[in-house]
PDB file of all heavy atoms in Angstrom:
ATOM      1  N   TYR A   1       0.818  -1.220   0.000  1.00  0.00           N
ATOM      2  CA  TYR A   1       0.000   0.000   0.000  1.00  0.00           C
ATOM      3  C   TYR A   1       0.850   1.268   0.000  1.00  0.00           C
ATOM      4  O   TYR A   1       0.402   2.323  -0.445  1.00  0.00           O
ATOM      5  CB  TYR A   1      -0.927   0.012   1.208  1.00  0.00           C
ATOM      6  CG  TYR A   1      -2.026  -1.039   1.169  1.00  0.00           C
ATOM      7  CD1 TYR A   1      -2.536  -1.570   2.345  1.00  0.00           C
ATOM      8  CD2 TYR A   1      -2.547  -1.495  -0.045  1.00  0.00           C
ATOM      9  CE1 TYR A   1      -3.544  -2.521   2.323  1.00  0.00           C
ATOM     10  CE2 TYR A   1      -3.543  -2.449  -0.063  1.00  0.00           C
ATOM     11  CZ  TYR A   1      -4.038  -2.968   1.114  1.00  0.00           C
ATOM     12  OH  TYR A   1      -5.033  -3.920   1.086  1.00  0.00           O
ATOM     13  N   GLN A   2       2.077   1.177   0.490  1.00  0.00           N
ATOM     14  CA  GLN A   2       2.977   2.323   0.454  1.00  0.00           C
ATOM     15  C   GLN A   2       3.669   2.475  -0.899  1.00  0.00           C
ATOM     16  O   GLN A   2       4.404   3.446  -1.120  1.00  0.00           O
ATOM     17  CB  GLN A   2       4.047   2.185   1.549  1.00  0.00           C
ATOM     18  CG  GLN A   2       3.527   2.305   2.963  1.00  0.00           C
ATOM     19  CD  GLN A   2       4.594   1.959   3.994  1.00  0.00           C
ATOM     20  OE1 GLN A   2       5.791   2.008   3.705  1.00  0.00           O
ATOM     21  NE2 GLN A   2       4.168   1.616   5.201  1.00  0.00           N
ATOM     22  N   GLY A   3       3.431   1.537  -1.793  1.00  0.00           N
ATOM     23  CA  GLY A   3       4.059   1.593  -3.113  1.00  0.00           C
ATOM     24  C   GLY A   3       5.442   0.988  -3.160  1.00  0.00           C
ATOM     25  O   GLY A   3       6.127   1.085  -4.180  1.00  0.00           O
ATOM     26  N   ARG A   4       5.867   0.329  -2.103  1.00  0.00           N
ATOM     27  CA  ARG A   4       7.202  -0.280  -2.046  1.00  0.00           C
ATOM     28  C   ARG A   4       7.082  -1.733  -2.510  1.00  0.00           C
ATOM     29  O   ARG A   4       7.271  -2.680  -1.763  1.00  0.00           O
ATOM     30  CB  ARG A   4       7.757  -0.166  -0.635  1.00  0.00           C
ATOM     31  CG  ARG A   4       7.923   1.287  -0.196  1.00  0.00           C
ATOM     32  CD  ARG A   4       7.980   1.476   1.291  1.00  0.00           C
ATOM     33  NE  ARG A   4       9.133   0.818   1.916  1.00  0.00           N
ATOM     34  CZ  ARG A   4       9.371   0.826   3.224  1.00  0.00           C
ATOM     35  NH1 ARG A   4       8.522   1.462   4.047  1.00  0.00           N
ATOM     36  NH2 ARG A   4      10.419   0.214   3.712  1.00  0.00           N
ATOM     37  N   ILE A   5       6.771  -1.871  -3.792  1.00  0.00           N
ATOM     38  CA  ILE A   5       6.376  -3.165  -4.338  1.00  0.00           C
ATOM     39  C   ILE A   5       7.514  -4.169  -4.295  1.00  0.00           C
ATOM     40  O   ILE A   5       7.307  -5.346  -3.954  1.00  0.00           O
ATOM     41  CB  ILE A   5       5.853  -3.000  -5.772  1.00  0.00           C
ATOM     42  CG1 ILE A   5       4.700  -1.990  -5.818  1.00  0.00           C
ATOM     43  CG2 ILE A   5       5.397  -4.340  -6.338  1.00  0.00           C
ATOM     44  CD1 ILE A   5       3.528  -2.359  -4.943  1.00  0.00           C
ATOM     45  N   ASP A   6       8.720  -3.747  -4.657  1.00  0.00           N
ATOM     46  CA  ASP A   6       9.840  -4.691  -4.672  1.00  0.00           C
ATOM     47  C   ASP A   6      10.071  -5.289  -3.292  1.00  0.00           C
ATOM     48  O   ASP A   6      10.300  -6.499  -3.152  1.00  0.00           O
ATOM     49  CB  ASP A   6      11.110  -4.007  -5.169  1.00  0.00           C
ATOM     50  CG  ASP A   6      11.057  -3.675  -6.652  1.00  0.00           C
ATOM     51  OD1 ASP A   6      10.162  -4.205  -7.344  1.00  0.00           O
ATOM     52  OD2 ASP A   6      11.900  -2.872  -7.115  1.00  0.00           O
ATOM     53  N   GLU A   7      10.017  -4.445  -2.247  1.00  0.00           N
ATOM     54  CA  GLU A   7      10.212  -4.935  -0.887  1.00  0.00           C
ATOM     55  C   GLU A   7       9.075  -5.868  -0.476  1.00  0.00           C
ATOM     56  O   GLU A   7       9.296  -6.892   0.182  1.00  0.00           O
ATOM     57  CB  GLU A   7      10.299  -3.764   0.086  1.00  0.00           C
ATOM     58  CG  GLU A   7      11.501  -2.863  -0.104  1.00  0.00           C
ATOM     59  CD  GLU A   7      11.409  -1.631   0.765  1.00  0.00           C
ATOM     60  OE1 GLU A   7      11.581  -1.760   1.990  1.00  0.00           O
ATOM     61  OE2 GLU A   7      11.131  -0.544   0.211  1.00  0.00           O
ATOM     62  N   ALA A   8       7.852  -5.510  -0.866  1.00  0.00           N
ATOM     63  CA  ALA A   8       6.691  -6.346  -0.534  1.00  0.00           C
ATOM     64  C   ALA A   8       6.801  -7.704  -1.209  1.00  0.00           C
ATOM     65  O   ALA A   8       6.524  -8.752  -0.591  1.00  0.00           O
ATOM     66  CB  ALA A   8       5.411  -5.638  -0.944  1.00  0.00           C
ATOM     67  N   GLU A   9       7.186  -7.709  -2.482  1.00  0.00           N
ATOM     68  CA  GLU A   9       7.316  -8.975  -3.206  1.00  0.00           C
ATOM     69  C   GLU A   9       8.398  -9.859  -2.587  1.00  0.00           C
ATOM     70  O   GLU A   9       8.218 -11.073  -2.455  1.00  0.00           O
ATOM     71  CB  GLU A   9       7.642  -8.704  -4.672  1.00  0.00           C
ATOM     72  CG  GLU A   9       6.482  -8.132  -5.463  1.00  0.00           C
ATOM     73  CD  GLU A   9       6.842  -7.853  -6.902  1.00  0.00           C
ATOM     74  OE1 GLU A   9       7.997  -7.462  -7.164  1.00  0.00           O
ATOM     75  OE2 GLU A   9       5.963  -8.027  -7.769  1.00  0.00           O
ATOM     76  N   GLU A  10       9.502  -9.241  -2.191  1.00  0.00           N
ATOM     77  CA  GLU A  10      10.587 -10.016  -1.586  1.00  0.00           C
ATOM     78  C   GLU A  10      10.149 -10.624  -0.259  1.00  0.00           C
ATOM     79  O   GLU A  10      10.412 -11.804   0.020  1.00  0.00           O
ATOM     80  CB  GLU A  10      11.808  -9.112  -1.383  1.00  0.00           C
ATOM     81  CG  GLU A  10      13.013  -9.840  -0.792  1.00  0.00           C
ATOM     82  CD  GLU A  10      14.213  -8.929  -0.604  1.00  0.00           C
ATOM     83  OE1 GLU A  10      14.133  -7.740  -0.973  1.00  0.00           O
ATOM     84  OE2 GLU A  10      15.235  -9.410  -0.072  1.00  0.00           O
ATOM     85  N   LEU A  11       9.478  -9.839   0.571  1.00  0.00           N
ATOM     86  CA  LEU A  11       9.001 -10.349   1.852  1.00  0.00           C
ATOM     87  C   LEU A  11       7.962 -11.444   1.639  1.00  0.00           C
ATOM     88  O   LEU A  11       8.003 -12.503   2.292  1.00  0.00           O
ATOM     89  CB  LEU A  11       8.410  -9.214   2.688  1.00  0.00           C
ATOM     90  CG  LEU A  11       7.773  -9.601   4.027  1.00  0.00           C
ATOM     91  CD1 LEU A  11       8.761 -10.349   4.914  1.00  0.00           C
ATOM     92  CD2 LEU A  11       7.220  -8.365   4.739  1.00  0.00           C
ATOM     93  N   TYR A  12       7.024 -11.216   0.728  1.00  0.00           N
ATOM     94  CA  TYR A  12       5.966 -12.194   0.463  1.00  0.00           C
ATOM     95  C   TYR A  12       6.565 -13.518  -0.005  1.00  0.00           C
ATOM     96  O   TYR A  12       6.180 -14.590   0.473  1.00  0.00           O
ATOM     97  CB  TYR A  12       5.017 -11.635  -0.589  1.00  0.00           C
ATOM     98  CG  TYR A  12       3.857 -12.538  -0.938  1.00  0.00           C
ATOM     99  CD1 TYR A  12       2.901 -12.879   0.008  1.00  0.00           C
ATOM    100  CD2 TYR A  12       3.702 -13.041  -2.234  1.00  0.00           C
ATOM    101  CE1 TYR A  12       1.825 -13.702  -0.321  1.00  0.00           C
ATOM    102  CE2 TYR A  12       2.637 -13.856  -2.572  1.00  0.00           C
ATOM    103  CZ  TYR A  12       1.699 -14.183  -1.608  1.00  0.00           C
ATOM    104  OH  TYR A  12       0.638 -15.006  -1.929  1.00  0.00           O
ATOM    105  N   ALA A  13       7.522 -13.450  -0.913  1.00  0.00           N
ATOM    106  CA  ALA A  13       8.148 -14.674  -1.415  1.00  0.00           C
ATOM    107  C   ALA A  13       8.867 -15.421  -0.292  1.00  0.00           C
ATOM    108  O   ALA A  13       8.816 -16.660  -0.216  1.00  0.00           O
ATOM    109  CB  ALA A  13       9.123 -14.341  -2.537  1.00  0.00           C
ATOM    110  N   SER A  14       9.537 -14.681   0.609  1.00  0.00           N
ATOM    111  CA  SER A  14      10.264 -15.340   1.701  1.00  0.00           C
ATOM    112  C   SER A  14       9.301 -16.022   2.661  1.00  0.00           C
ATOM    113  O   SER A  14       9.604 -17.096   3.195  1.00  0.00           O
ATOM    114  CB  SER A  14      11.130 -14.319   2.444  1.00  0.00           C
ATOM    115  OG  SER A  14      10.357 -13.460   3.265  1.00  0.00           O
ATOM    116  N   LEU A  15       8.142 -15.409   2.896  1.00  0.00           N
ATOM    117  CA  LEU A  15       7.142 -16.022   3.780  1.00  0.00           C
ATOM    118  C   LEU A  15       6.549 -17.269   3.144  1.00  0.00           C
ATOM    119  O   LEU A  15       6.370 -18.299   3.801  1.00  0.00           O
ATOM    120  CB  LEU A  15       6.050 -15.011   4.109  1.00  0.00           C
ATOM    121  CG  LEU A  15       6.483 -13.782   4.902  1.00  0.00           C
ATOM    122  CD1 LEU A  15       5.339 -12.774   4.980  1.00  0.00           C
ATOM    123  CD2 LEU A  15       6.941 -14.173   6.298  1.00  0.00           C
ATOM    124  N   CYS A  16       6.230 -17.187   1.864  1.00  0.00           N
ATOM    125  CA  CYS A  16       5.656 -18.348   1.176  1.00  0.00           C
ATOM    126  C   CYS A  16       6.649 -19.514   1.147  1.00  0.00           C
ATOM    127  O   CYS A  16       6.243 -20.683   1.201  1.00  0.00           O
ATOM    128  CB  CYS A  16       5.247 -17.957  -0.241  1.00  0.00           C
ATOM    129  SG  CYS A  16       3.831 -16.815  -0.299  1.00  0.00           S
ATOM    130  N   ALA A  17       7.930 -19.192   1.094  1.00  0.00           N
ATOM    131  CA  ALA A  17       8.949 -20.246   1.069  1.00  0.00           C
ATOM    132  C   ALA A  17       9.016 -21.001   2.385  1.00  0.00           C
ATOM    133  O   ALA A  17       9.607 -22.087   2.453  1.00  0.00           O
ATOM    134  CB  ALA A  17      10.313 -19.640   0.742  1.00  0.00           C
ATOM    135  N   ARG A  18       8.420 -20.450   3.424  1.00  0.00           N
ATOM    136  CA  ARG A  18       8.433 -21.125   4.728  1.00  0.00           C
ATOM    137  C   ARG A  18       7.344 -22.176   4.858  1.00  0.00           C
ATOM    138  O   ARG A  18       7.298 -22.903   5.852  1.00  0.00           O
ATOM    139  CB  ARG A  18       8.311 -20.089   5.850  1.00  0.00           C
ATOM    140  CG  ARG A  18       9.540 -19.206   5.982  1.00  0.00           C
ATOM    141  CD  ARG A  18       9.445 -18.300   7.189  1.00  0.00           C
ATOM    142  NE  ARG A  18      10.642 -17.497   7.360  1.00  0.00           N
ATOM    143  CZ  ARG A  18      11.745 -17.896   7.982  1.00  0.00           C
ATOM    144  NH1 ARG A  18      11.787 -19.116   8.488  1.00  0.00           N
ATOM    145  NH2 ARG A  18      12.785 -17.093   8.096  1.00  0.00           N
ATOM    146  N   ALA A  19       6.451 -22.273   3.897  1.00  0.00           N
ATOM    147  CA  ALA A  19       5.417 -23.306   3.940  1.00  0.00           C
ATOM    148  C   ALA A  19       6.061 -24.689   3.878  1.00  0.00           C
ATOM    149  O   ALA A  19       7.176 -24.866   3.375  1.00  0.00           O
ATOM    150  CB  ALA A  19       4.434 -23.123   2.793  1.00  0.00           C
ATOM    151  N   SER A  20       5.352 -25.672   4.385  1.00  0.00           N
ATOM    152  CA  SER A  20       5.842 -27.047   4.308  1.00  0.00           C
ATOM    153  C   SER A  20       5.806 -27.526   2.863  1.00  0.00           C
ATOM    154  O   SER A  20       5.217 -26.868   1.992  1.00  0.00           O
ATOM    155  CB  SER A  20       4.964 -27.950   5.176  1.00  0.00           C
ATOM    156  OG  SER A  20       3.711 -28.184   4.535  1.00  0.00           O
ATOM    157  N   PRO A  21       6.431 -28.668   2.553  1.00  0.00           N
ATOM    158  CA  PRO A  21       6.353 -29.188   1.181  1.00  0.00           C
ATOM    159  C   PRO A  21       4.923 -29.385   0.684  1.00  0.00           C
ATOM    160  O   PRO A  21       4.683 -29.398  -0.527  1.00  0.00           O
ATOM    161  CB  PRO A  21       7.110 -30.519   1.275  1.00  0.00           C
ATOM    162  CG  PRO A  21       8.086 -30.315   2.389  1.00  0.00           C
ATOM    163  CD  PRO A  21       7.346 -29.461   3.388  1.00  0.00           C
ATOM    164  N   LEU A  22       3.964 -29.515   1.611  1.00  0.00           N
ATOM    165  CA  LEU A  22       2.558 -29.632   1.234  1.00  0.00           C
ATOM    166  C   LEU A  22       1.871 -28.275   1.132  1.00  0.00           C
ATOM    167  O   LEU A  22       0.676 -28.199   0.832  1.00  0.00           O
ATOM    168  CB  LEU A  22       1.812 -30.495   2.246  1.00  0.00           C
ATOM    169  CG  LEU A  22       2.131 -31.989   2.203  1.00  0.00           C
ATOM    170  CD1 LEU A  22       1.463 -32.711   3.363  1.00  0.00           C
ATOM    171  CD2 LEU A  22       1.709 -32.601   0.876  1.00  0.00           C
ATOM    172  N   GLY A  23       2.591 -27.183   1.411  1.00  0.00           N
ATOM    173  CA  GLY A  23       1.995 -25.850   1.316  1.00  0.00           C
ATOM    174  C   GLY A  23       1.239 -25.439   2.555  1.00  0.00           C
ATOM    175  O   GLY A  23       0.384 -24.547   2.484  1.00  0.00           O
ATOM    176  N   LEU A  24       1.536 -26.023   3.695  1.00  0.00           N
ATOM    177  CA  LEU A  24       0.824 -25.717   4.941  1.00  0.00           C
ATOM    178  C   LEU A  24       1.685 -24.829   5.835  1.00  0.00           C
ATOM    179  O   LEU A  24       2.917 -24.942   5.849  1.00  0.00           O
ATOM    180  CB  LEU A  24       0.457 -26.998   5.674  1.00  0.00           C
ATOM    181  CG  LEU A  24      -0.409 -27.982   4.890  1.00  0.00           C
ATOM    182  CD1 LEU A  24      -0.660 -29.252   5.703  1.00  0.00           C
ATOM    183  CD2 LEU A  24      -1.733 -27.347   4.484  1.00  0.00           C
ATOM    184  N   LEU A  25       1.017 -23.964   6.608  1.00  0.00           N
ATOM    185  CA  LEU A  25       1.695 -23.025   7.488  1.00  0.00           C
ATOM    186  C   LEU A  25       1.145 -23.118   8.906  1.00  0.00           C
ATOM    187  O   LEU A  25      -0.050 -23.354   9.105  1.00  0.00           O
ATOM    188  CB  LEU A  25       1.527 -21.591   6.979  1.00  0.00           C
ATOM    189  CG  LEU A  25       2.417 -21.182   5.793  1.00  0.00           C
ATOM    190  CD1 LEU A  25       1.872 -19.930   5.137  1.00  0.00           C
ATOM    191  CD2 LEU A  25       3.856 -20.972   6.248  1.00  0.00           C
ATOM    192  N   PRO A  26       2.003 -22.865   9.887  1.00  0.00           N
ATOM    193  CA  PRO A  26       1.571 -22.887  11.282  1.00  0.00           C
ATOM    194  C   PRO A  26       1.147 -21.497  11.737  1.00  0.00           C
ATOM    195  O   PRO A  26       1.152 -20.531  10.967  1.00  0.00           O
ATOM    196  CB  PRO A  26       2.847 -23.308  12.006  1.00  0.00           C
ATOM    197  CG  PRO A  26       3.918 -22.583  11.216  1.00  0.00           C
ATOM    198  CD  PRO A  26       3.454 -22.614   9.773  1.00  0.00           C
ATOM    199  N   GLU A  27       0.825 -21.402  13.017  1.00  0.00           N
ATOM    200  CA  GLU A  27       0.562 -20.111  13.633  1.00  0.00           C
ATOM    201  C   GLU A  27       1.857 -19.339  13.844  1.00  0.00           C
ATOM    202  O   GLU A  27       1.951 -18.147  13.542  1.00  0.00           O
ATOM    203  CB  GLU A  27      -0.121 -20.309  14.985  1.00  0.00           C
ATOM    204  CG  GLU A  27      -0.368 -19.018  15.758  1.00  0.00           C
ATOM    205  CD  GLU A  27      -0.876 -19.278  17.166  1.00  0.00           C
ATOM    206  OE1 GLU A  27      -0.448 -20.256  17.800  1.00  0.00           O
ATOM    207  OE2 GLU A  27      -1.712 -18.497  17.633  1.00  0.00           O
ATOM    208  N   GLN A  28       2.877 -20.024  14.345  1.00  0.00           N
ATOM    209  CA  GLN A  28       4.143 -19.385  14.683  1.00  0.00           C
ATOM    210  C   GLN A  28       5.303 -20.219  14.168  1.00  0.00           C
ATOM    211  O   GLN A  28       5.165 -21.414  13.888  1.00  0.00           O
ATOM    212  CB  GLN A  28       4.279 -19.206  16.204  1.00  0.00           C
ATOM    213  CG  GLN A  28       3.220 -18.300  16.819  1.00  0.00           C
ATOM    214  CD  GLN A  28       3.420 -18.100  18.306  1.00  0.00           C
ATOM    215  OE1 GLN A  28       4.535 -18.177  18.815  1.00  0.00           O
ATOM    216  NE2 GLN A  28       2.327 -17.846  19.022  1.00  0.00           N
TER     217      GLN A  28
END
């Protein structure tokens, strides 16, 4: 929303990479 798209994309990709091999995520 601040227009910092490159930073947002990098953070989003790093979070998605933390999913399990089945694509599941925990609370913490």
